[in-house]
N, C-alpha and C. Protein backbone atom coordinates (compact mmCIF):
# COMPACT_ATOMS: atom_id res chain seq x y z
N UNK A 1 -48.60 -33.51 26.31
CA UNK A 1 -49.06 -33.64 24.89
C UNK A 1 -50.14 -32.57 24.53
N UNK A 2 -49.81 -31.75 23.64
CA UNK A 2 -50.95 -30.73 23.19
C UNK A 2 -51.91 -31.43 22.19
N UNK A 3 -52.98 -30.69 21.99
CA UNK A 3 -53.95 -31.40 20.98
C UNK A 3 -54.92 -30.35 20.33
N UNK A 4 -55.24 -30.35 19.06
CA UNK A 4 -56.15 -29.38 18.39
C UNK A 4 -57.07 -30.07 17.43
N UNK A 5 -58.30 -29.45 17.48
CA UNK A 5 -59.28 -29.76 16.43
C UNK A 5 -59.52 -28.92 15.40
N UNK A 6 -59.27 -29.23 14.36
CA UNK A 6 -59.45 -28.21 13.09
C UNK A 6 -60.85 -28.89 12.35
N UNK A 7 -61.48 -27.75 11.81
CA UNK A 7 -62.68 -27.94 10.88
C UNK A 7 -62.24 -27.00 9.59
N UNK A 8 -62.10 -27.96 8.54
CA UNK A 8 -61.58 -27.28 7.35
C UNK A 8 -62.76 -27.30 6.23
N UNK A 9 -63.16 -26.22 5.66
CA UNK A 9 -64.42 -26.20 4.59
C UNK A 9 -63.59 -25.75 3.32
N UNK A 10 -64.44 -25.95 2.34
CA UNK A 10 -64.19 -25.67 0.93
C UNK A 10 -64.19 -26.98 0.27
N UNK A 11 -63.48 -27.08 -0.83
CA UNK A 11 -63.39 -28.30 -1.58
C UNK A 11 -62.32 -29.21 -0.95
N UNK A 12 -62.84 -29.99 -0.03
CA UNK A 12 -62.02 -30.72 0.77
C UNK A 12 -62.55 -32.15 0.81
N UNK A 13 -63.75 -32.56 0.12
CA UNK A 13 -64.05 -34.12 0.18
C UNK A 13 -63.89 -34.40 -1.23
N UNK A 14 -63.46 -35.67 -1.54
CA UNK A 14 -63.22 -36.20 -2.77
C UNK A 14 -61.95 -35.71 -3.52
N UNK A 15 -61.13 -35.20 -2.67
CA UNK A 15 -59.73 -34.88 -3.42
C UNK A 15 -58.51 -35.48 -2.50
N UNK A 16 -58.82 -36.53 -1.92
CA UNK A 16 -57.64 -36.98 -1.13
C UNK A 16 -57.06 -36.24 0.01
N UNK A 17 -58.05 -35.24 0.61
CA UNK A 17 -57.66 -34.60 1.90
C UNK A 17 -57.45 -35.28 2.85
N UNK A 18 -58.32 -36.25 3.37
CA UNK A 18 -57.80 -37.01 4.50
C UNK A 18 -56.59 -37.87 4.54
N UNK A 19 -56.50 -38.63 3.41
CA UNK A 19 -55.33 -39.32 3.18
C UNK A 19 -54.09 -38.50 3.35
N UNK A 20 -54.08 -37.33 2.63
CA UNK A 20 -53.09 -36.45 2.47
C UNK A 20 -52.76 -35.95 3.79
N UNK A 21 -53.77 -35.53 4.61
CA UNK A 21 -53.54 -35.16 5.88
C UNK A 21 -52.98 -36.33 6.82
N UNK A 22 -53.52 -37.58 6.77
CA UNK A 22 -52.90 -38.45 7.54
C UNK A 22 -51.18 -38.80 7.02
N UNK A 23 -50.89 -38.58 5.86
CA UNK A 23 -49.52 -38.70 5.34
C UNK A 23 -48.67 -37.53 6.04
N UNK A 24 -49.32 -36.36 6.09
CA UNK A 24 -48.64 -35.17 6.66
C UNK A 24 -48.44 -35.37 8.26
N UNK A 25 -49.54 -35.78 8.95
CA UNK A 25 -49.52 -35.92 10.35
C UNK A 25 -48.52 -36.96 10.72
N UNK A 26 -48.36 -38.14 9.93
CA UNK A 26 -47.52 -39.13 10.23
C UNK A 26 -46.00 -38.49 10.23
N UNK A 27 -45.82 -37.75 9.20
CA UNK A 27 -44.48 -37.07 9.00
C UNK A 27 -43.95 -36.37 10.14
N UNK A 28 -45.02 -35.75 10.87
CA UNK A 28 -44.84 -34.95 11.91
C UNK A 28 -44.75 -35.58 13.13
N UNK A 29 -45.11 -36.72 13.16
CA UNK A 29 -45.39 -37.55 14.46
C UNK A 29 -46.51 -37.34 15.22
N UNK A 30 -47.69 -37.04 14.64
CA UNK A 30 -48.92 -36.69 15.35
C UNK A 30 -49.77 -37.89 15.33
N UNK A 31 -50.51 -38.02 16.36
CA UNK A 31 -51.54 -39.08 16.47
C UNK A 31 -52.98 -38.35 16.19
N UNK A 32 -53.98 -39.02 15.93
CA UNK A 32 -55.28 -38.49 15.65
C UNK A 32 -56.20 -38.91 14.62
N UNK A 33 -56.91 -38.15 14.08
CA UNK A 33 -57.82 -38.83 12.90
C UNK A 33 -58.21 -37.57 12.07
N UNK A 34 -58.52 -37.81 10.98
CA UNK A 34 -59.37 -36.99 9.97
C UNK A 34 -60.44 -37.70 9.40
N UNK A 35 -61.53 -36.88 9.41
CA UNK A 35 -63.21 -37.53 8.85
C UNK A 35 -63.68 -36.43 8.20
N UNK A 36 -64.43 -37.04 7.28
CA UNK A 36 -65.62 -36.29 6.62
C UNK A 36 -66.72 -36.05 7.37
N UNK A 37 -67.13 -34.97 7.33
CA UNK A 37 -68.41 -34.46 8.07
C UNK A 37 -69.68 -34.33 7.13
N UNK A 38 -70.94 -34.60 7.68
CA UNK A 38 -71.97 -34.67 6.75
C UNK A 38 -72.11 -33.18 5.89
N UNK A 39 -71.76 -31.94 6.75
CA UNK A 39 -71.94 -30.91 5.99
C UNK A 39 -71.00 -30.46 4.94
N UNK A 40 -69.96 -31.31 4.63
CA UNK A 40 -68.91 -31.10 3.47
C UNK A 40 -67.73 -30.80 4.12
N UNK A 41 -67.48 -30.53 5.35
CA UNK A 41 -66.22 -30.11 5.92
C UNK A 41 -65.50 -31.33 6.21
N UNK A 42 -64.02 -31.07 6.45
CA UNK A 42 -63.29 -32.29 7.07
C UNK A 42 -62.81 -31.78 8.55
N UNK A 43 -63.17 -32.62 9.56
CA UNK A 43 -62.49 -32.72 10.86
C UNK A 43 -61.31 -33.34 11.07
N UNK A 44 -60.15 -32.52 11.62
CA UNK A 44 -59.01 -33.17 11.89
C UNK A 44 -58.70 -33.02 13.43
N UNK A 45 -58.34 -33.91 14.13
CA UNK A 45 -58.10 -33.91 15.50
C UNK A 45 -56.60 -34.80 15.63
N UNK A 46 -55.75 -33.67 16.19
CA UNK A 46 -54.40 -34.18 16.06
C UNK A 46 -53.68 -33.81 17.56
N UNK A 47 -52.80 -34.69 17.97
CA UNK A 47 -52.12 -34.57 19.24
C UNK A 47 -50.67 -34.70 19.03
N UNK A 48 -49.78 -33.93 19.66
CA UNK A 48 -48.33 -34.05 19.68
C UNK A 48 -47.77 -32.87 20.22
N UNK A 49 -46.55 -32.40 19.55
CA UNK A 49 -45.91 -31.50 20.19
C UNK A 49 -46.71 -30.03 19.53
N UNK A 50 -46.49 -28.82 20.23
CA UNK A 50 -47.02 -27.74 19.57
C UNK A 50 -46.36 -27.28 18.30
N UNK A 51 -45.19 -27.52 18.20
CA UNK A 51 -44.48 -27.23 16.99
C UNK A 51 -45.18 -28.13 15.85
N UNK A 52 -45.39 -29.45 15.86
CA UNK A 52 -45.90 -30.32 15.02
C UNK A 52 -47.47 -29.73 14.73
N UNK A 53 -48.09 -29.46 15.77
CA UNK A 53 -49.63 -29.24 15.28
C UNK A 53 -49.64 -27.75 14.74
N UNK A 54 -48.75 -26.98 14.97
CA UNK A 54 -48.55 -25.56 14.12
C UNK A 54 -48.07 -25.90 12.61
N UNK A 55 -47.15 -26.97 12.49
CA UNK A 55 -46.74 -27.27 11.09
C UNK A 55 -47.96 -27.76 10.34
N UNK A 56 -48.73 -28.63 10.99
CA UNK A 56 -50.04 -29.24 10.41
C UNK A 56 -51.09 -28.09 10.02
N UNK A 57 -51.23 -27.36 11.07
CA UNK A 57 -52.00 -26.07 10.66
C UNK A 57 -51.76 -25.43 9.53
N UNK A 58 -50.29 -25.05 9.41
CA UNK A 58 -49.95 -24.43 8.02
C UNK A 58 -50.23 -25.26 6.78
N UNK A 59 -49.98 -26.74 7.00
CA UNK A 59 -50.19 -27.51 5.77
C UNK A 59 -51.74 -27.25 5.59
N UNK A 60 -52.65 -27.52 6.31
CA UNK A 60 -53.77 -27.46 6.34
C UNK A 60 -54.55 -26.45 5.55
N UNK A 61 -53.77 -25.19 5.59
CA UNK A 61 -54.39 -23.89 4.93
C UNK A 61 -54.28 -24.00 3.60
N UNK A 62 -53.55 -25.05 2.86
CA UNK A 62 -53.13 -25.40 1.52
C UNK A 62 -53.78 -26.89 1.21
N UNK A 63 -53.64 -27.61 1.85
CA UNK A 63 -53.91 -29.27 1.53
C UNK A 63 -53.25 -29.62 0.32
N UNK A 64 -53.69 -30.63 -0.04
CA UNK A 64 -53.26 -31.46 -1.38
C UNK A 64 -53.47 -30.55 -2.54
N UNK A 65 -52.96 -31.02 -3.72
CA UNK A 65 -53.07 -29.99 -4.94
C UNK A 65 -54.67 -30.09 -5.17
N UNK A 66 -55.36 -30.70 -5.23
CA UNK A 66 -56.76 -30.64 -5.89
C UNK A 66 -57.77 -29.88 -4.84
N UNK A 67 -57.25 -29.66 -3.55
CA UNK A 67 -58.24 -29.30 -2.51
C UNK A 67 -58.29 -27.53 -2.87
N UNK A 68 -59.27 -26.89 -2.54
CA UNK A 68 -59.48 -25.65 -2.28
C UNK A 68 -59.97 -25.18 -1.01
N UNK A 69 -59.01 -24.86 0.01
CA UNK A 69 -59.33 -24.50 1.40
C UNK A 69 -60.18 -23.08 1.31
N UNK A 70 -61.07 -23.08 2.03
CA UNK A 70 -61.88 -21.57 2.28
C UNK A 70 -61.74 -21.12 3.62
N UNK A 71 -62.05 -22.05 4.35
CA UNK A 71 -61.75 -21.70 6.08
C UNK A 71 -61.09 -22.71 6.84
N UNK A 72 -60.44 -22.51 7.79
CA UNK A 72 -59.82 -23.23 8.63
C UNK A 72 -60.13 -22.85 9.94
N UNK A 73 -60.74 -23.53 10.85
CA UNK A 73 -60.94 -23.20 12.33
C UNK A 73 -60.18 -24.03 13.08
N UNK A 74 -59.75 -23.58 14.14
CA UNK A 74 -58.82 -24.31 15.34
C UNK A 74 -59.08 -23.93 16.57
N UNK A 75 -59.16 -25.20 17.32
CA UNK A 75 -59.55 -25.17 18.84
C UNK A 75 -58.77 -26.07 19.67
N UNK A 76 -58.42 -25.63 20.83
CA UNK A 76 -57.80 -26.57 21.62
C UNK A 76 -58.58 -27.64 22.19
N UNK A 77 -58.21 -28.90 22.14
CA UNK A 77 -59.06 -30.12 22.67
C UNK A 77 -58.40 -31.04 23.60
N UNK A 78 -59.01 -31.96 24.27
CA UNK A 78 -58.36 -33.02 24.86
C UNK A 78 -57.69 -33.84 23.75
N UNK A 79 -56.68 -34.44 24.01
CA UNK A 79 -56.12 -35.46 22.97
C UNK A 79 -56.95 -36.59 22.58
N UNK A 80 -56.86 -37.16 21.39
CA UNK A 80 -57.77 -38.21 20.94
C UNK A 80 -57.67 -39.23 21.73
N UNK A 81 -58.49 -40.16 21.76
CA UNK A 81 -58.47 -41.56 22.39
C UNK A 81 -57.40 -42.43 22.03
N UNK A 82 -57.15 -42.37 20.72
CA UNK A 82 -55.94 -43.24 20.14
C UNK A 82 -54.67 -42.16 20.41
N UNK A 83 -53.86 -42.98 21.09
CA UNK A 83 -52.33 -42.10 21.46
C UNK A 83 -51.50 -42.49 20.49
N UNK A 84 -51.80 -43.42 19.55
CA UNK A 84 -50.83 -43.69 18.31
C UNK A 84 -51.26 -43.71 17.17
N UNK A 85 -50.57 -43.52 16.09
CA UNK A 85 -51.14 -43.57 14.88
C UNK A 85 -51.95 -42.42 14.27
N UNK A 86 -52.21 -42.37 13.09
CA UNK A 86 -53.12 -41.22 12.48
C UNK A 86 -54.23 -42.10 11.64
N UNK A 87 -55.43 -42.04 11.95
CA UNK A 87 -56.62 -42.65 11.27
C UNK A 87 -57.42 -41.90 10.29
N UNK A 88 -57.76 -42.47 9.09
CA UNK A 88 -58.78 -41.86 8.34
C UNK A 88 -60.05 -42.45 8.53
N UNK A 89 -61.06 -41.70 8.92
CA UNK A 89 -62.37 -42.29 9.31
C UNK A 89 -63.31 -42.01 8.39
C-alpha cells in the first residue's frame, strides 16, 4: 500500500475543503485523514493504490468550488495509523 502526505495552501479553510477531500478519497478507496493546520494549510494523508493517490493529487490541485489552491506539496510517508476509512480531523 502506497501512502502520501499533502500540504495544501491557499484559500483552503472554511470552504469545505476537508469534507470534499474525504468524499473524493472515499470514492477512490483511500484511507487516511484531512485536517486544518494552525498556519492555514490543510494536511491530507492518504493510503491506497498509486493510481488512487495520483488521482487524489490531481483533484487536490483544484479542490472544491470555493477553494483557491496556491501550492500543493507532496511527500511519500508511512501509511496512516487508520487502515480503514477517511477522517476529517
